[in-house]
C-alpha atoms as a PDB file:
ATOM      1  CA  UNK A   1      43.956  -6.969 -16.027  1.00  0.00           C
ATOM      2  CA  UNK A   2      47.100  -6.579 -13.913  1.00  0.00           C
ATOM      3  CA  UNK A   3      49.013  -5.278 -16.911  1.00  0.00           C
ATOM      4  CA  UNK A   4      46.237  -2.746 -17.565  1.00  0.00           C
ATOM      5  CA  UNK A   5      46.551  -1.467 -13.975  1.00  0.00           C
ATOM      6  CA  UNK A   6      50.344  -1.219 -14.335  1.00  0.00           C
ATOM      7  CA  UNK A   7      49.958   0.714 -17.584  1.00  0.00           C
ATOM      8  CA  UNK A   8      47.309   2.928 -15.967  1.00  0.00           C
ATOM      9  CA  UNK A   9      49.760   3.777 -13.159  1.00  0.00           C
ATOM     10  CA  UNK A  10      52.376   4.788 -15.726  1.00  0.00           C
ATOM     11  CA  UNK A  11      49.858   6.904 -17.662  1.00  0.00           C
ATOM     12  CA  UNK A  12      48.531   8.478 -14.465  1.00  0.00           C
ATOM     13  CA  UNK A  13      51.856  10.212 -13.809  1.00  0.00           C
ATOM     14  CA  UNK A  14      52.205  11.697 -17.269  1.00  0.00           C
ATOM     15  CA  UNK A  15      51.768  15.458 -17.315  1.00  0.00           C
ATOM     16  CA  UNK A  16      48.491  15.717 -19.157  1.00  0.00           C
ATOM     17  CA  UNK A  17      46.827  13.077 -16.982  1.00  0.00           C
ATOM     18  CA  UNK A  18      48.052  14.719 -13.764  1.00  0.00           C
ATOM     19  CA  UNK A  19      46.103  17.787 -14.821  1.00  0.00           C
ATOM     20  CA  UNK A  20      42.884  15.729 -14.835  1.00  0.00           C
ATOM     21  CA  UNK A  21      43.447  13.737 -11.687  1.00  0.00           C
ATOM     22  CA  UNK A  22      41.514  15.687  -9.041  1.00  0.00           C
ATOM     23  CA  UNK A  23      38.822  17.679 -10.753  1.00  0.00           C
ATOM     24  CA  UNK A  24      36.155  14.942 -11.314  1.00  0.00           C
ATOM     25  CA  UNK A  25      35.951  14.175  -7.592  1.00  0.00           C
ATOM     26  CA  UNK A  26      36.426  17.807  -6.522  1.00  0.00           C
ATOM     27  CA  UNK A  27      33.765  18.880  -9.008  1.00  0.00           C
ATOM     28  CA  UNK A  28      31.397  16.240  -7.679  1.00  0.00           C
ATOM     29  CA  UNK A  29      32.015  17.311  -4.059  1.00  0.00           C
ATOM     30  CA  UNK A  30      31.413  20.957  -4.930  1.00  0.00           C
ATOM     31  CA  UNK A  31      28.227  20.134  -6.827  1.00  0.00           C
ATOM     32  CA  UNK A  32      26.706  18.128  -4.016  1.00  0.00           C
ATOM     33  CA  UNK A  33      27.837  20.624  -1.369  1.00  0.00           C
ATOM     34  CA  UNK A  34      26.066  23.434  -3.222  1.00  0.00           C
ATOM     35  CA  UNK A  35      22.960  21.293  -3.688  1.00  0.00           C
ATOM     36  CA  UNK A  36      22.905  20.444   0.020  1.00  0.00           C
ATOM     37  CA  UNK A  37      23.207  24.093   1.008  1.00  0.00           C
ATOM     38  CA  UNK A  38      20.450  25.159  -1.377  1.00  0.00           C
ATOM     39  CA  UNK A  39      17.979  22.306  -0.913  1.00  0.00           C
ATOM     40  CA  UNK A  40      18.713  20.663   2.460  1.00  0.00           C
ATOM     41  CA  UNK A  41      15.469  21.739   4.196  1.00  0.00           C
ATOM     42  CA  UNK A  42      13.235  20.902   1.234  1.00  0.00           C
ATOM     43  CA  UNK A  43      15.032  17.634   0.612  1.00  0.00           C
ATOM     44  CA  UNK A  44      14.765  16.456   4.219  1.00  0.00           C
ATOM     45  CA  UNK A  45      11.090  17.376   4.314  1.00  0.00           C
ATOM     46  CA  UNK A  46      10.490  15.378   1.129  1.00  0.00           C
ATOM     47  CA  UNK A  47      12.377  12.353   2.485  1.00  0.00           C
ATOM     48  CA  UNK A  48      10.388  12.422   5.729  1.00  0.00           C
ATOM     49  CA  UNK A  49       7.124  12.670   3.766  1.00  0.00           C
ATOM     50  CA  UNK A  50       8.255   9.706   1.647  1.00  0.00           C
ATOM     51  CA  UNK A  51       9.137   7.693   4.776  1.00  0.00           C
ATOM     52  CA  UNK A  52       5.640   8.345   6.151  1.00  0.00           C
ATOM     53  CA  UNK A  53       3.991   7.163   2.917  1.00  0.00           C
ATOM     54  CA  UNK A  54       2.156   3.944   3.833  1.00  0.00           C
ATOM     55  CA  UNK A  55       3.863   1.501   1.412  1.00  0.00           C
ATOM     56  CA  UNK A  56       7.304   2.883   2.289  1.00  0.00           C
ATOM     57  CA  UNK A  57       6.530   2.843   6.011  1.00  0.00           C
ATOM     58  CA  UNK A  58       5.313  -0.767   5.719  1.00  0.00           C
ATOM     59  CA  UNK A  59       8.492  -1.696   3.846  1.00  0.00           C
ATOM     60  CA  UNK A  60      10.713  -0.113   6.499  1.00  0.00           C
ATOM     61  CA  UNK A  61       8.822  -1.887   9.290  1.00  0.00           C
ATOM     62  CA  UNK A  62       8.883  -5.213   7.471  1.00  0.00           C
ATOM     63  CA  UNK A  63      12.668  -5.113   7.202  1.00  0.00           C
ATOM     64  CA  UNK A  64      13.145  -3.700  10.679  1.00  0.00           C
ATOM     65  CA  UNK A  65      14.804  -0.507   9.502  1.00  0.00           C
ATOM     66  CA  UNK A  66      12.193   2.064  10.525  1.00  0.00           C
ATOM     67  CA  UNK A  67      14.876   3.475  12.848  1.00  0.00           C
ATOM     68  CA  UNK A  68      16.471   5.015   9.785  1.00  0.00           C
ATOM     69  CA  UNK A  69      13.782   7.711   9.757  1.00  0.00           C
ATOM     70  CA  UNK A  70      14.781   9.087  13.169  1.00  0.00           C
ATOM     71  CA  UNK A  71      18.374   9.506  12.007  1.00  0.00           C
ATOM     72  CA  UNK A  72      17.531  10.580   8.482  1.00  0.00           C
ATOM     73  CA  UNK A  73      20.027  13.460   8.334  1.00  0.00           C
ATOM     74  CA  UNK A  74      22.873  11.159   9.431  1.00  0.00           C
ATOM     75  CA  UNK A  75      21.787   8.527   6.911  1.00  0.00           C
ATOM     76  CA  UNK A  76      21.883  11.119   4.117  1.00  0.00           C
ATOM     77  CA  UNK A  77      25.315  12.473   5.104  1.00  0.00           C
ATOM     78  CA  UNK A  78      27.103   9.217   5.846  1.00  0.00           C
ATOM     79  CA  UNK A  79      25.314   6.710   3.573  1.00  0.00           C
ATOM     80  CA  UNK A  80      23.760   8.488   0.611  1.00  0.00           C
ATOM     81  CA  UNK A  81      26.230  11.328   0.093  1.00  0.00           C
ATOM     82  CA  UNK A  82      29.415   9.247  -0.368  1.00  0.00           C
ATOM     83  CA  UNK A  83      27.552   7.075  -2.886  1.00  0.00           C
ATOM     84  CA  UNK A  84      26.192  10.055  -4.804  1.00  0.00           C
ATOM     85  CA  UNK A  85      29.533  11.871  -4.809  1.00  0.00           C
ATOM     86  CA  UNK A  86      31.435   8.815  -6.060  1.00  0.00           C
ATOM     87  CA  UNK A  87      28.844   8.026  -8.743  1.00  0.00           C
ATOM     88  CA  UNK A  88      28.737  11.627  -9.933  1.00  0.00           C
ATOM     89  CA  UNK A  89      32.553  11.713 -10.126  1.00  0.00           C
ATOM     90  CA  UNK A  90      32.436   8.676 -12.430  1.00  0.00           C
ATOM     91  CA  UNK A  91      29.830  10.401 -14.577  1.00  0.00           C
ATOM     92  CA  UNK A  92      31.961  13.579 -14.805  1.00  0.00           C
ATOM     93  CA  UNK A  93      35.014  11.488 -15.675  1.00  0.00           C
ATOM     94  CA  UNK A  94      33.072   9.630 -18.349  1.00  0.00           C
ATOM     95  CA  UNK A  95      31.611  12.657 -20.131  1.00  0.00           C
ATOM     96  CA  UNK A  96      34.390  15.245 -19.764  1.00  0.00           C
ATOM     97  CA  UNK A  97      37.683  13.474 -19.024  1.00  0.00           C
ATOM     98  CA  UNK A  98      37.543  10.156 -20.872  1.00  0.00           C
ATOM     99  CA  UNK A  99      37.719  11.652 -24.408  1.00  0.00           C
ATOM    100  CA  UNK A 100      40.959  13.420 -23.408  1.00  0.00           C
ATOM    101  CA  UNK A 101      42.315  10.306 -21.711  1.00  0.00           C
ATOM    102  CA  UNK A 102      41.483   8.018 -24.649  1.00  0.00           C
ATOM    103  CA  UNK A 103      43.114  10.399 -27.118  1.00  0.00           C
ATOM    104  CA  UNK A 104      46.264  10.640 -24.990  1.00  0.00           C
ATOM    105  CA  UNK A 105      46.620   6.885 -24.313  1.00  0.00           C
ATOM    106  CA  UNK A 106      45.850   5.927 -27.917  1.00  0.00           C
ATOM    107  CA  UNK A 107      48.403   8.405 -29.274  1.00  0.00           C
ATOM    108  CA  UNK A 108      51.187   7.412 -26.853  1.00  0.00           C
ATOM    109  CA  UNK A 109      50.602   3.645 -26.500  1.00  0.00           C
ATOM    110  CA  UNK A 110      48.438   2.421 -29.420  1.00  0.00           C
ATOM    111  CA  UNK A 111      49.200   4.711 -32.381  1.00  0.00           C
ATOM    112  CA  UNK A 112      48.565   1.896 -34.874  1.00  0.00           C
ATOM    113  CA  UNK A 113      44.835   1.702 -33.998  1.00  0.00           C
ATOM    114  CA  UNK A 114      42.563   3.370 -36.517  1.00  0.00           C
ATOM    115  CA  UNK A 115      39.256   4.804 -35.346  1.00  0.00           C
ATOM    116  CA  UNK A 116      36.076   2.779 -35.727  1.00  0.00           C
ATOM    117  CA  UNK A 117      33.812   5.342 -34.014  1.00  0.00           C
ATOM    118  CA  UNK A 118      30.904   3.148 -32.999  1.00  0.00           C
ATOM    119  CA  UNK A 119      30.138   5.617 -30.184  1.00  0.00           C
ATOM    120  CA  UNK A 120      29.555   9.348 -29.813  1.00  0.00           C
ATOM    121  CA  UNK A 121      29.471  12.060 -27.148  1.00  0.00           C
ATOM    122  CA  UNK A 122      25.712  11.742 -26.802  1.00  0.00           C
ATOM    123  CA  UNK A 123      26.045   7.992 -26.725  1.00  0.00           C
ATOM    124  CA  UNK A 124      28.496   8.333 -23.843  1.00  0.00           C
ATOM    125  CA  UNK A 125      26.116  10.645 -21.961  1.00  0.00           C
ATOM    126  CA  UNK A 126      23.169   8.267 -22.532  1.00  0.00           C
ATOM    127  CA  UNK A 127      25.233   5.233 -21.519  1.00  0.00           C
ATOM    128  CA  UNK A 128      26.509   6.917 -18.361  1.00  0.00           C
ATOM    129  CA  UNK A 129      23.069   8.176 -17.329  1.00  0.00           C
ATOM    130  CA  UNK A 130      21.418   4.790 -17.889  1.00  0.00           C
ATOM    131  CA  UNK A 131      24.199   3.044 -15.956  1.00  0.00           C
ATOM    132  CA  UNK A 132      23.932   5.587 -13.133  1.00  0.00           C
ATOM    133  CA  UNK A 133      20.148   5.185 -12.931  1.00  0.00           C
ATOM    134  CA  UNK A 134      20.394   1.385 -12.865  1.00  0.00           C
ATOM    135  CA  UNK A 135      23.090   1.597 -10.209  1.00  0.00           C
ATOM    136  CA  UNK A 136      21.025   3.851  -7.929  1.00  0.00           C
ATOM    137  CA  UNK A 137      17.891   1.724  -8.325  1.00  0.00           C
ATOM    138  CA  UNK A 138      19.809  -1.474  -7.507  1.00  0.00           C
ATOM    139  CA  UNK A 139      21.509   0.323  -4.619  1.00  0.00           C
ATOM    140  CA  UNK A 140      18.161   1.292  -3.099  1.00  0.00           C
ATOM    141  CA  UNK A 141      16.621  -2.164  -3.663  1.00  0.00           C
ATOM    142  CA  UNK A 142      19.594  -3.854  -1.972  1.00  0.00           C
ATOM    143  CA  UNK A 143      19.722  -1.391   0.941  1.00  0.00           C
ATOM    144  CA  UNK A 144      18.013  -3.729   3.488  1.00  0.00           C
ATOM    145  CA  UNK A 145      20.665  -6.391   2.802  1.00  0.00           C
ATOM    146  CA  UNK A 146      23.332  -4.011   4.043  1.00  0.00           C
ATOM    147  CA  UNK A 147      22.231  -4.914   7.560  1.00  0.00           C
ATOM    148  CA  UNK A 148      23.579  -8.449   7.020  1.00  0.00           C
ATOM    149  CA  UNK A 149      27.320  -8.491   7.664  1.00  0.00           C
ATOM    150  CA  UNK A 150      28.668 -10.224   4.518  1.00  0.00           C
ATOM    151  CA  UNK A 151      26.361  -8.265   2.222  1.00  0.00           C
ATOM    152  CA  UNK A 152      27.209  -4.931   3.853  1.00  0.00           C
ATOM    153  CA  UNK A 153      30.638  -5.148   2.200  1.00  0.00           C
ATOM    154  CA  UNK A 154      29.956  -7.257  -0.880  1.00  0.00           C
ATOM    155  CA  UNK A 155      26.915  -5.452  -2.279  1.00  0.00           C
ATOM    156  CA  UNK A 156      28.445  -1.929  -2.464  1.00  0.00           C
ATOM    157  CA  UNK A 157      31.582  -3.325  -4.080  1.00  0.00           C
ATOM    158  CA  UNK A 158      29.634  -5.378  -6.618  1.00  0.00           C
ATOM    159  CA  UNK A 159      27.350  -2.434  -7.505  1.00  0.00           C
ATOM    160  CA  UNK A 160      30.263  -0.016  -7.821  1.00  0.00           C
ATOM    161  CA  UNK A 161      32.058  -2.590  -9.989  1.00  0.00           C
ATOM    162  CA  UNK A 162      28.964  -2.798 -12.196  1.00  0.00           C
ATOM    163  CA  UNK A 163      28.875   1.019 -12.540  1.00  0.00           C
ATOM    164  CA  UNK A 164      32.571   1.274 -13.382  1.00  0.00           C
ATOM    165  CA  UNK A 165      32.262  -1.512 -15.944  1.00  0.00           C
ATOM    166  CA  UNK A 166      29.124  -0.180 -17.641  1.00  0.00           C
ATOM    167  CA  UNK A 167      30.449   3.373 -17.899  1.00  0.00           C
ATOM    168  CA  UNK A 168      34.137   3.003 -18.715  1.00  0.00           C
ATOM    169  CA  UNK A 169      34.042   0.099 -21.173  1.00  0.00           C
ATOM    170  CA  UNK A 170      31.877   2.126 -23.543  1.00  0.00           C
ATOM    171  CA  UNK A 171      34.027   5.245 -23.311  1.00  0.00           C
ATOM    172  CA  UNK A 172      37.262   3.290 -23.656  1.00  0.00           C
ATOM    173  CA  UNK A 173      36.213   1.822 -27.011  1.00  0.00           C
ATOM    174  CA  UNK A 174      33.777   4.381 -28.417  1.00  0.00           C
ATOM    175  CA  UNK A 175      36.390   6.205 -30.507  1.00  0.00           C
ATOM    176  CA  UNK A 176      38.360   3.263 -31.883  1.00  0.00           C
ATOM    177  CA  UNK A 177      36.139   0.161 -32.097  1.00  0.00           C
ATOM    178  CA  UNK A 178      33.382  -0.622 -34.538  1.00  0.00           C
ATOM    179  CA  UNK A 179      30.052  -1.793 -33.147  1.00  0.00           C
ATOM    180  CA  UNK A 180      30.932  -5.373 -34.093  1.00  0.00           C
ATOM    181  CA  UNK A 181      34.339  -5.142 -32.401  1.00  0.00           C
ATOM    182  CA  UNK A 182      32.782  -3.666 -29.261  1.00  0.00           C
ATOM    183  CA  UNK A 183      30.327  -6.543 -28.957  1.00  0.00           C
ATOM    184  CA  UNK A 184      33.048  -9.109 -29.630  1.00  0.00           C
ATOM    185  CA  UNK A 185      35.278  -7.673 -26.899  1.00  0.00           C
ATOM    186  CA  UNK A 186      32.365  -7.720 -24.444  1.00  0.00           C
ATOM    187  CA  UNK A 187      31.663 -11.357 -25.393  1.00  0.00           C
ATOM    188  CA  UNK A 188      35.270 -12.400 -24.904  1.00  0.00           C
ATOM    189  CA  UNK A 189      36.216 -10.254 -21.953  1.00  0.00           C
ATOM    190  CA  UNK A 190      32.999  -9.436 -20.103  1.00  0.00           C
ATOM    191  CA  UNK A 191      34.153 -11.092 -16.861  1.00  0.00           C
ATOM    192  CA  UNK A 192      37.625  -9.467 -16.803  1.00  0.00           C
ATOM    193  CA  UNK A 193      36.045  -6.085 -17.497  1.00  0.00           C
ATOM    194  CA  UNK A 194      33.664  -6.544 -14.569  1.00  0.00           C
ATOM    195  CA  UNK A 195      36.622  -7.699 -12.473  1.00  0.00           C
ATOM    196  CA  UNK A 196      38.468  -4.536 -13.406  1.00  0.00           C
ATOM    197  CA  UNK A 197      35.402  -2.582 -12.291  1.00  0.00           C
ATOM    198  CA  UNK A 198      35.457  -4.367  -8.932  1.00  0.00           C
ATOM    199  CA  UNK A 199      39.169  -3.620  -8.495  1.00  0.00           C
ATOM    200  CA  UNK A 200      38.403   0.033  -9.243  1.00  0.00           C
ATOM    201  CA  UNK A 201      35.629  -0.055  -6.629  1.00  0.00           C
ATOM    202  CA  UNK A 202      38.071  -1.377  -4.039  1.00  0.00           C
ATOM    203  CA  UNK A 203      40.556   1.362  -4.917  1.00  0.00           C
ATOM    204  CA  UNK A 204      37.787   3.907  -4.337  1.00  0.00           C
ATOM    205  CA  UNK A 205      37.681   2.807  -0.693  1.00  0.00           C
ATOM    206  CA  UNK A 206      41.333   3.673   0.009  1.00  0.00           C
ATOM    207  CA  UNK A 207      41.684   7.100   1.661  1.00  0.00           C
ATOM    208  CA  UNK A 208      43.692   9.680  -0.318  1.00  0.00           C
ATOM    209  CA  UNK A 209      44.017   7.225  -3.237  1.00  0.00           C
ATOM    210  CA  UNK A 210      40.285   7.561  -3.828  1.00  0.00           C
ATOM    211  CA  UNK A 211      40.882  11.180  -4.829  1.00  0.00           C
ATOM    212  CA  UNK A 212      42.474   9.987  -8.083  1.00  0.00           C
ATOM    213  CA  UNK A 213      40.473   6.785  -8.465  1.00  0.00           C
ATOM    214  CA  UNK A 214      37.965   7.963 -11.143  1.00  0.00           C
ATOM    215  CA  UNK A 215      40.707   8.958 -13.574  1.00  0.00           C
ATOM    216  CA  UNK A 216      42.947   6.028 -12.652  1.00  0.00           C
ATOM    217  CA  UNK A 217      40.065   3.593 -13.141  1.00  0.00           C
ATOM    218  CA  UNK A 218      39.279   5.096 -16.519  1.00  0.00           C
ATOM    219  CA  UNK A 219      42.903   4.727 -17.580  1.00  0.00           C
ATOM    220  CA  UNK A 220      42.838   1.071 -16.541  1.00  0.00           C
ATOM    221  CA  UNK A 221      39.804   0.413 -18.731  1.00  0.00           C
ATOM    222  CA  UNK A 222      41.345   2.292 -21.669  1.00  0.00           C
ATOM    223  CA  UNK A 223      44.562   0.267 -21.571  1.00  0.00           C
ATOM    224  CA  UNK A 224      42.684  -3.027 -21.181  1.00  0.00           C
ATOM    225  CA  UNK A 225      40.186  -2.283 -23.934  1.00  0.00           C
ATOM    226  CA  UNK A 226      42.619  -0.882 -26.492  1.00  0.00           C
ATOM    227  CA  UNK A 227      45.075  -3.735 -25.974  1.00  0.00           C
ATOM    228  CA  UNK A 228      42.289  -6.256 -26.547  1.00  0.00           C
ATOM    229  CA  UNK A 229      41.127  -4.321 -29.592  1.00  0.00           C
ATOM    230  CA  UNK A 230      44.650  -4.454 -31.019  1.00  0.00           C
ATOM    231  CA  UNK A 231      44.780  -8.192 -30.391  1.00  0.00           C
ATOM    232  CA  UNK A 232      41.352  -8.704 -31.991  1.00  0.00           C
ATOM    233  CA  UNK A 233      42.401  -6.875 -35.146  1.00  0.00           C
ATOM    234  CA  UNK A 234      45.693  -8.801 -35.288  1.00  0.00           C
ATOM    235  CA  UNK A 235      43.621 -11.998 -35.528  1.00  0.00           C
ATOM    236  CA  UNK A 236      41.557 -10.726 -38.436  1.00  0.00           C
ATOM    237  CA  UNK A 237      42.791 -10.032 -41.993  1.00  0.00           C
ATOM    238  CA  UNK A 238      41.827  -6.604 -43.189  1.00  0.00           C
ATOM    239  CA  UNK A 239      41.548  -5.168 -39.699  1.00  0.00           C
ATOM    240  CA  UNK A 240      41.470  -1.399 -39.322  1.00  0.00           C
ATOM    241  CA  UNK A 241      44.931   0.134 -39.149  1.00  0.00           C
ATOM    242  CA  UNK A 242      46.161   3.677 -38.876  1.00  0.00           C
ATOM    243  CA  UNK A 243      46.904   5.373 -42.214  1.00  0.00           C
ATOM    244  CA  UNK A 244      50.453   5.964 -40.907  1.00  0.00           C
ATOM    245  CA  UNK A 245      50.978   2.313 -39.979  1.00  0.00           C
END
């Protein structure tokens, strides 16, 4: 995992990757800024109506967080918006940047790997959307626990780690692994991949550095996954190799 982060740092400062570094997060910020401008009044009205809905109101009172309603606009800006912006930046990175990143890293660092193509563009979109939906649902379910000091830090990191892991591991291997190889790497390295996702989540908390964190995190997963794929094939006779190898 450490070696993957070192390799990701090296790749990050290569010309082609520098061109990708800011636009996922900037694109996410612009998207949500435009949506806020266009739909702020309607969105706040809908949230207030939802908060007044009897089951939701009972839930808020049960957990002692009914005070959130009075400061709803602040909750949206300071709690929901950073989460939505970060998650959307990961989605943008997954769908639009990861294919470019995988092609670049594979060509420069792992040219011997032949393509297995277990995944596809639509598979990446479906995987990212399902991971994003699961992340947001879990985030909302766990929201009351944020009021407890240890959980207030641990839960967001764990959930962001889950999102990073679910999204980037698929994209990192979709072009080069077969379906069997993908499942075998998840079986062998599921915990390190989640750990890499958690490290990426921690990096996302560092000011300034978080501007490049979606691309940097994706590069870390690519290096980790492709190195393990190369090792897996080295253990197996008849493994896929590049025609030029």
